[in-house]
N, C-alpha and C. Protein backbone atom coordinates (compact mmCIF):
# COMPACT_ATOMS: atom_id res chain seq x y z
N MET A 1 -0.37 31.90 3.15
CA MET A 1 -0.53 31.67 4.58
C MET A 1 -1.09 30.26 4.86
N GLU A 2 -2.17 29.87 4.15
CA GLU A 2 -2.76 28.56 4.38
C GLU A 2 -1.79 27.44 4.02
N THR A 3 -1.04 27.62 2.94
CA THR A 3 -0.08 26.59 2.53
C THR A 3 0.97 26.38 3.61
N ARG A 4 1.43 27.47 4.21
CA ARG A 4 2.43 27.37 5.28
C ARG A 4 1.88 26.59 6.48
N LEU A 5 0.63 26.88 6.85
CA LEU A 5 0.00 26.17 7.97
C LEU A 5 -0.15 24.69 7.66
N PHE A 6 -0.55 24.39 6.43
CA PHE A 6 -0.72 23.00 6.00
C PHE A 6 0.60 22.24 6.10
N ILE A 7 1.66 22.83 5.60
CA ILE A 7 2.98 22.19 5.63
C ILE A 7 3.46 22.02 7.07
N LYS A 8 3.22 23.01 7.92
CA LYS A 8 3.61 22.93 9.32
C LYS A 8 2.87 21.77 10.00
N GLU A 9 1.57 21.66 9.76
CA GLU A 9 0.77 20.59 10.34
C GLU A 9 1.25 19.22 9.84
N TYR A 10 1.53 19.13 8.55
CA TYR A 10 2.03 17.89 7.95
C TYR A 10 3.37 17.48 8.57
N ASN A 11 4.30 18.42 8.67
CA ASN A 11 5.63 18.13 9.22
C ASN A 11 5.54 17.64 10.66
N SER A 12 4.69 18.27 11.44
CA SER A 12 4.50 17.88 12.83
C SER A 12 3.96 16.45 12.92
N PHE A 13 2.96 16.14 12.11
CA PHE A 13 2.38 14.80 12.11
C PHE A 13 3.42 13.77 11.66
N TYR A 14 4.17 14.09 10.62
CA TYR A 14 5.18 13.16 10.10
C TYR A 14 6.23 12.83 11.16
N LYS A 15 6.73 13.84 11.85
CA LYS A 15 7.77 13.62 12.86
C LYS A 15 7.28 12.68 13.97
N GLU A 16 6.01 12.85 14.35
CA GLU A 16 5.47 12.06 15.45
C GLU A 16 5.06 10.64 15.04
N ASN A 17 4.81 10.41 13.76
CA ASN A 17 4.22 9.13 13.34
C ASN A 17 4.98 8.38 12.26
N LYS A 18 6.15 8.85 11.86
CA LYS A 18 6.84 8.24 10.71
C LYS A 18 7.14 6.76 10.89
N GLU A 19 7.38 6.29 12.12
CA GLU A 19 7.68 4.87 12.31
C GLU A 19 6.43 3.99 12.17
N LYS A 20 5.23 4.59 12.20
CA LYS A 20 3.98 3.84 12.07
C LYS A 20 3.48 3.79 10.63
N LEU A 21 4.17 4.49 9.74
CA LEU A 21 3.67 4.65 8.38
C LEU A 21 4.64 4.12 7.33
N LYS A 22 4.10 3.64 6.23
CA LYS A 22 4.93 3.24 5.10
C LYS A 22 5.27 4.47 4.26
N SER A 23 4.26 5.31 4.02
CA SER A 23 4.52 6.53 3.26
C SER A 23 3.46 7.58 3.51
N LEU A 24 3.84 8.80 3.23
CA LEU A 24 2.94 9.95 3.25
C LEU A 24 3.17 10.71 1.96
N CYS A 25 2.11 11.08 1.29
CA CYS A 25 2.23 11.84 0.05
C CYS A 25 1.39 13.11 0.20
N ILE A 26 2.03 14.24 0.07
CA ILE A 26 1.37 15.52 0.27
C ILE A 26 0.98 16.12 -1.08
N HIS A 27 -0.24 16.67 -1.15
CA HIS A 27 -0.73 17.32 -2.37
C HIS A 27 -1.07 18.77 -2.01
N LEU A 28 -0.20 19.69 -2.37
CA LEU A 28 -0.38 21.08 -1.98
C LEU A 28 -1.60 21.74 -2.63
N GLU A 29 -1.90 21.37 -3.88
CA GLU A 29 -3.01 22.02 -4.59
C GLU A 29 -4.34 21.77 -3.90
N SER A 30 -4.54 20.55 -3.41
CA SER A 30 -5.83 20.19 -2.80
C SER A 30 -5.76 20.11 -1.28
N TYR A 31 -4.59 20.39 -0.72
CA TYR A 31 -4.38 20.30 0.73
C TYR A 31 -4.79 18.93 1.26
N THR A 32 -4.33 17.89 0.60
CA THR A 32 -4.62 16.53 1.06
C THR A 32 -3.32 15.78 1.33
N ILE A 33 -3.43 14.77 2.17
CA ILE A 33 -2.31 13.88 2.46
C ILE A 33 -2.81 12.46 2.27
N ASN A 34 -2.08 11.71 1.49
CA ASN A 34 -2.37 10.30 1.29
C ASN A 34 -1.46 9.52 2.24
N ILE A 35 -2.06 8.83 3.21
CA ILE A 35 -1.32 8.09 4.23
C ILE A 35 -1.38 6.60 3.88
N VAL A 36 -0.23 5.94 3.87
CA VAL A 36 -0.20 4.49 3.68
C VAL A 36 0.47 3.90 4.91
N THR A 37 -0.26 3.02 5.61
CA THR A 37 0.27 2.42 6.83
C THR A 37 1.22 1.27 6.49
N LEU A 38 1.87 0.76 7.50
CA LEU A 38 2.77 -0.37 7.31
C LEU A 38 2.02 -1.59 6.80
N GLU A 39 0.72 -1.65 7.09
CA GLU A 39 -0.11 -2.78 6.63
C GLU A 39 -0.66 -2.54 5.24
N GLU A 40 -0.17 -1.50 4.55
CA GLU A 40 -0.58 -1.17 3.18
C GLU A 40 -2.02 -0.66 3.09
N LYS A 41 -2.57 -0.15 4.19
CA LYS A 41 -3.90 0.46 4.16
C LYS A 41 -3.74 1.93 3.81
N GLU A 42 -4.65 2.42 2.99
CA GLU A 42 -4.53 3.78 2.48
C GLU A 42 -5.65 4.66 3.04
N ILE A 43 -5.27 5.84 3.52
CA ILE A 43 -6.23 6.80 4.08
C ILE A 43 -5.95 8.16 3.42
N LEU A 44 -6.98 8.82 2.94
CA LEU A 44 -6.84 10.14 2.35
C LEU A 44 -7.51 11.14 3.28
N VAL A 45 -6.75 12.14 3.73
CA VAL A 45 -7.29 13.18 4.59
C VAL A 45 -7.11 14.54 3.93
N GLU A 46 -8.02 15.46 4.25
CA GLU A 46 -7.98 16.79 3.65
C GLU A 46 -7.88 17.83 4.75
N TRP A 47 -7.10 18.87 4.50
CA TRP A 47 -6.95 19.96 5.44
C TRP A 47 -7.66 21.20 4.94
N SER A 48 -8.28 21.92 5.84
CA SER A 48 -8.80 23.26 5.54
C SER A 48 -8.43 24.13 6.74
N ILE A 49 -8.68 25.40 6.64
CA ILE A 49 -8.37 26.31 7.73
C ILE A 49 -9.14 25.91 9.00
N LEU A 50 -10.24 25.17 8.83
CA LEU A 50 -11.05 24.71 9.96
C LEU A 50 -10.50 23.45 10.61
N GLY A 51 -9.70 22.68 9.87
CA GLY A 51 -9.12 21.46 10.42
C GLY A 51 -9.03 20.33 9.41
N TRP A 52 -8.99 19.09 9.92
CA TRP A 52 -8.77 17.89 9.12
C TRP A 52 -10.03 17.06 8.99
N THR A 53 -10.22 16.47 7.81
CA THR A 53 -11.38 15.62 7.53
C THR A 53 -10.91 14.37 6.79
N ILE A 54 -11.45 13.19 7.17
CA ILE A 54 -11.15 11.96 6.43
C ILE A 54 -11.96 11.97 5.14
N ILE A 55 -11.31 11.80 4.01
CA ILE A 55 -11.98 11.77 2.71
C ILE A 55 -12.29 10.33 2.31
N SER A 56 -11.32 9.44 2.46
CA SER A 56 -11.56 8.04 2.12
C SER A 56 -10.60 7.13 2.88
N VAL A 57 -11.03 5.88 3.03
CA VAL A 57 -10.19 4.84 3.61
C VAL A 57 -10.21 3.69 2.62
N ALA A 58 -9.03 3.31 2.15
CA ALA A 58 -8.89 2.24 1.15
C ALA A 58 -9.80 2.47 -0.05
N GLY A 59 -9.91 3.73 -0.45
CA GLY A 59 -10.70 4.08 -1.62
C GLY A 59 -12.20 4.17 -1.38
N LYS A 60 -12.65 3.88 -0.16
CA LYS A 60 -14.08 3.91 0.16
C LYS A 60 -14.45 5.25 0.81
N THR A 61 -15.56 5.82 0.37
CA THR A 61 -16.02 7.08 0.96
C THR A 61 -17.38 6.93 1.64
N ASN A 62 -18.11 5.89 1.32
CA ASN A 62 -19.44 5.70 1.90
C ASN A 62 -19.36 5.49 3.41
N GLY A 63 -20.28 6.10 4.13
CA GLY A 63 -20.38 5.88 5.56
C GLY A 63 -19.47 6.74 6.41
N LEU A 64 -18.61 7.54 5.79
CA LEU A 64 -17.73 8.39 6.57
C LEU A 64 -18.46 9.65 6.99
N LYS A 65 -18.37 9.97 8.27
CA LYS A 65 -18.92 11.24 8.74
C LYS A 65 -17.91 12.32 8.39
N LYS A 66 -18.37 13.36 7.78
CA LYS A 66 -17.48 14.44 7.36
C LYS A 66 -17.25 15.43 8.49
N LYS A 67 -16.76 14.93 9.62
CA LYS A 67 -16.48 15.78 10.76
C LYS A 67 -15.05 16.30 10.64
N THR A 68 -14.87 17.56 10.99
CA THR A 68 -13.56 18.19 10.90
C THR A 68 -12.94 18.29 12.29
N TYR A 69 -11.66 17.94 12.38
CA TYR A 69 -10.92 17.98 13.64
C TYR A 69 -9.84 19.04 13.57
N GLU A 70 -9.47 19.57 14.74
CA GLU A 70 -8.51 20.68 14.79
C GLU A 70 -7.11 20.32 14.31
N SER A 71 -6.72 19.07 14.48
CA SER A 71 -5.40 18.65 14.01
C SER A 71 -5.48 17.22 13.49
N LEU A 72 -4.50 16.84 12.72
CA LEU A 72 -4.45 15.48 12.19
C LEU A 72 -4.34 14.48 13.34
N GLU A 73 -3.56 14.82 14.32
CA GLU A 73 -3.40 13.94 15.48
C GLU A 73 -4.72 13.78 16.23
N THR A 74 -5.46 14.87 16.39
CA THR A 74 -6.76 14.82 17.07
C THR A 74 -7.72 13.94 16.29
N LEU A 75 -7.72 14.07 14.97
CA LEU A 75 -8.58 13.23 14.12
C LEU A 75 -8.31 11.76 14.40
N LEU A 76 -7.05 11.38 14.38
CA LEU A 76 -6.69 9.98 14.57
C LEU A 76 -6.97 9.51 16.00
N LYS A 77 -6.71 10.37 16.99
CA LYS A 77 -6.97 9.98 18.38
C LYS A 77 -8.46 9.87 18.65
N HIS A 78 -9.25 10.72 18.02
CA HIS A 78 -10.69 10.68 18.24
C HIS A 78 -11.27 9.37 17.72
N VAL A 79 -10.83 8.94 16.56
CA VAL A 79 -11.36 7.71 15.97
C VAL A 79 -10.84 6.49 16.73
N SER A 80 -9.62 6.55 17.19
CA SER A 80 -9.02 5.43 17.92
C SER A 80 -7.90 5.96 18.80
N LEU A 81 -7.62 5.24 19.85
CA LEU A 81 -6.52 5.66 20.71
C LEU A 81 -5.17 5.41 20.06
N ALA A 82 -5.15 4.59 19.03
CA ALA A 82 -3.90 4.30 18.34
C ALA A 82 -4.13 4.24 16.84
N PHE A 83 -3.16 4.68 16.11
CA PHE A 83 -3.22 4.60 14.65
C PHE A 83 -2.69 3.23 14.27
N ASP A 84 -3.58 2.27 14.15
CA ASP A 84 -3.12 0.91 13.94
C ASP A 84 -4.06 0.13 13.02
N GLU A 85 -3.71 -1.10 12.78
CA GLU A 85 -4.48 -1.99 11.91
C GLU A 85 -5.92 -2.15 12.40
N GLN A 86 -6.09 -2.24 13.71
CA GLN A 86 -7.43 -2.45 14.27
C GLN A 86 -8.34 -1.26 13.94
N TRP A 87 -7.83 -0.05 14.07
CA TRP A 87 -8.63 1.14 13.76
C TRP A 87 -9.07 1.13 12.31
N ILE A 88 -8.14 0.84 11.42
CA ILE A 88 -8.46 0.82 9.99
C ILE A 88 -9.42 -0.33 9.69
N GLY A 89 -9.16 -1.49 10.28
CA GLY A 89 -10.04 -2.64 10.08
C GLY A 89 -11.46 -2.35 10.54
N ASN A 90 -11.60 -1.73 11.70
CA ASN A 90 -12.93 -1.39 12.22
C ASN A 90 -13.63 -0.39 11.31
N LEU A 91 -12.89 0.58 10.82
CA LEU A 91 -13.48 1.57 9.94
C LEU A 91 -13.92 0.94 8.62
N LEU A 92 -13.09 0.04 8.09
CA LEU A 92 -13.47 -0.65 6.85
C LEU A 92 -14.71 -1.52 7.05
N LYS A 93 -14.83 -2.18 8.22
CA LYS A 93 -16.02 -2.98 8.51
C LYS A 93 -17.26 -2.10 8.52
N LYS A 94 -17.15 -0.93 9.13
CA LYS A 94 -18.28 0.01 9.16
C LYS A 94 -18.67 0.43 7.75
N LEU A 95 -17.66 0.71 6.93
CA LEU A 95 -17.94 1.13 5.56
C LEU A 95 -18.64 0.02 4.78
N LEU A 96 -18.15 -1.22 4.94
CA LEU A 96 -18.76 -2.34 4.22
C LEU A 96 -20.18 -2.60 4.71
N LYS A 97 -20.40 -2.49 6.02
CA LYS A 97 -21.74 -2.68 6.57
C LYS A 97 -22.69 -1.62 6.02
N TYR A 98 -22.21 -0.38 5.95
CA TYR A 98 -23.01 0.72 5.42
C TYR A 98 -23.35 0.48 3.96
N GLU A 99 -22.35 0.03 3.18
CA GLU A 99 -22.58 -0.25 1.76
C GLU A 99 -23.59 -1.37 1.57
N LYS A 100 -23.47 -2.45 2.34
CA LYS A 100 -24.40 -3.57 2.23
C LYS A 100 -25.82 -3.13 2.57
N ARG A 101 -25.96 -2.34 3.62
CA ARG A 101 -27.28 -1.85 4.03
C ARG A 101 -27.89 -1.00 2.93
N ASN A 102 -27.11 -0.14 2.32
CA ASN A 102 -27.60 0.70 1.23
C ASN A 102 -28.01 -0.13 0.02
N ARG A 103 -27.22 -1.17 -0.30
CA ARG A 103 -27.56 -2.04 -1.43
C ARG A 103 -28.89 -2.74 -1.19
N ILE A 104 -29.10 -3.22 0.03
CA ILE A 104 -30.35 -3.90 0.37
C ILE A 104 -31.52 -2.92 0.28
N LEU A 105 -31.36 -1.72 0.83
CA LEU A 105 -32.42 -0.72 0.77
C LEU A 105 -32.75 -0.34 -0.66
N ASN A 106 -31.74 -0.18 -1.48
CA ASN A 106 -31.96 0.16 -2.88
C ASN A 106 -32.64 -0.98 -3.63
N TYR A 107 -32.32 -2.22 -3.28
CA TYR A 107 -32.93 -3.38 -3.93
C TYR A 107 -34.41 -3.49 -3.56
N VAL A 108 -34.73 -3.20 -2.28
CA VAL A 108 -36.10 -3.30 -1.80
C VAL A 108 -36.99 -2.26 -2.45
N ARG A 109 -36.47 -1.08 -2.70
CA ARG A 109 -37.26 0.00 -3.30
C ARG A 109 -37.61 -0.35 -4.67
């Protein structure tokens, strides 16, 4: 049952966003989708019966709030009004700022 829902959600997202993406790779065992944008930015999202969660952006996991959204589209709309380079760039800046702050705090201790 869960696998069917995951595939349905994936297919719906793909149909609506395929022109904005370079590739989508689905992993049924872990219910994850690896999204690669036209700008070669990589986003890993995970699905559960509760909804969608961002796992990493460009391999970075630090600073991500593990909030779950009802649909993949809702997740992307909540973070930005458009799934574009600016959204990914802003998220990467936040991740880097978070990492730098943690490095400084760890150095001071």
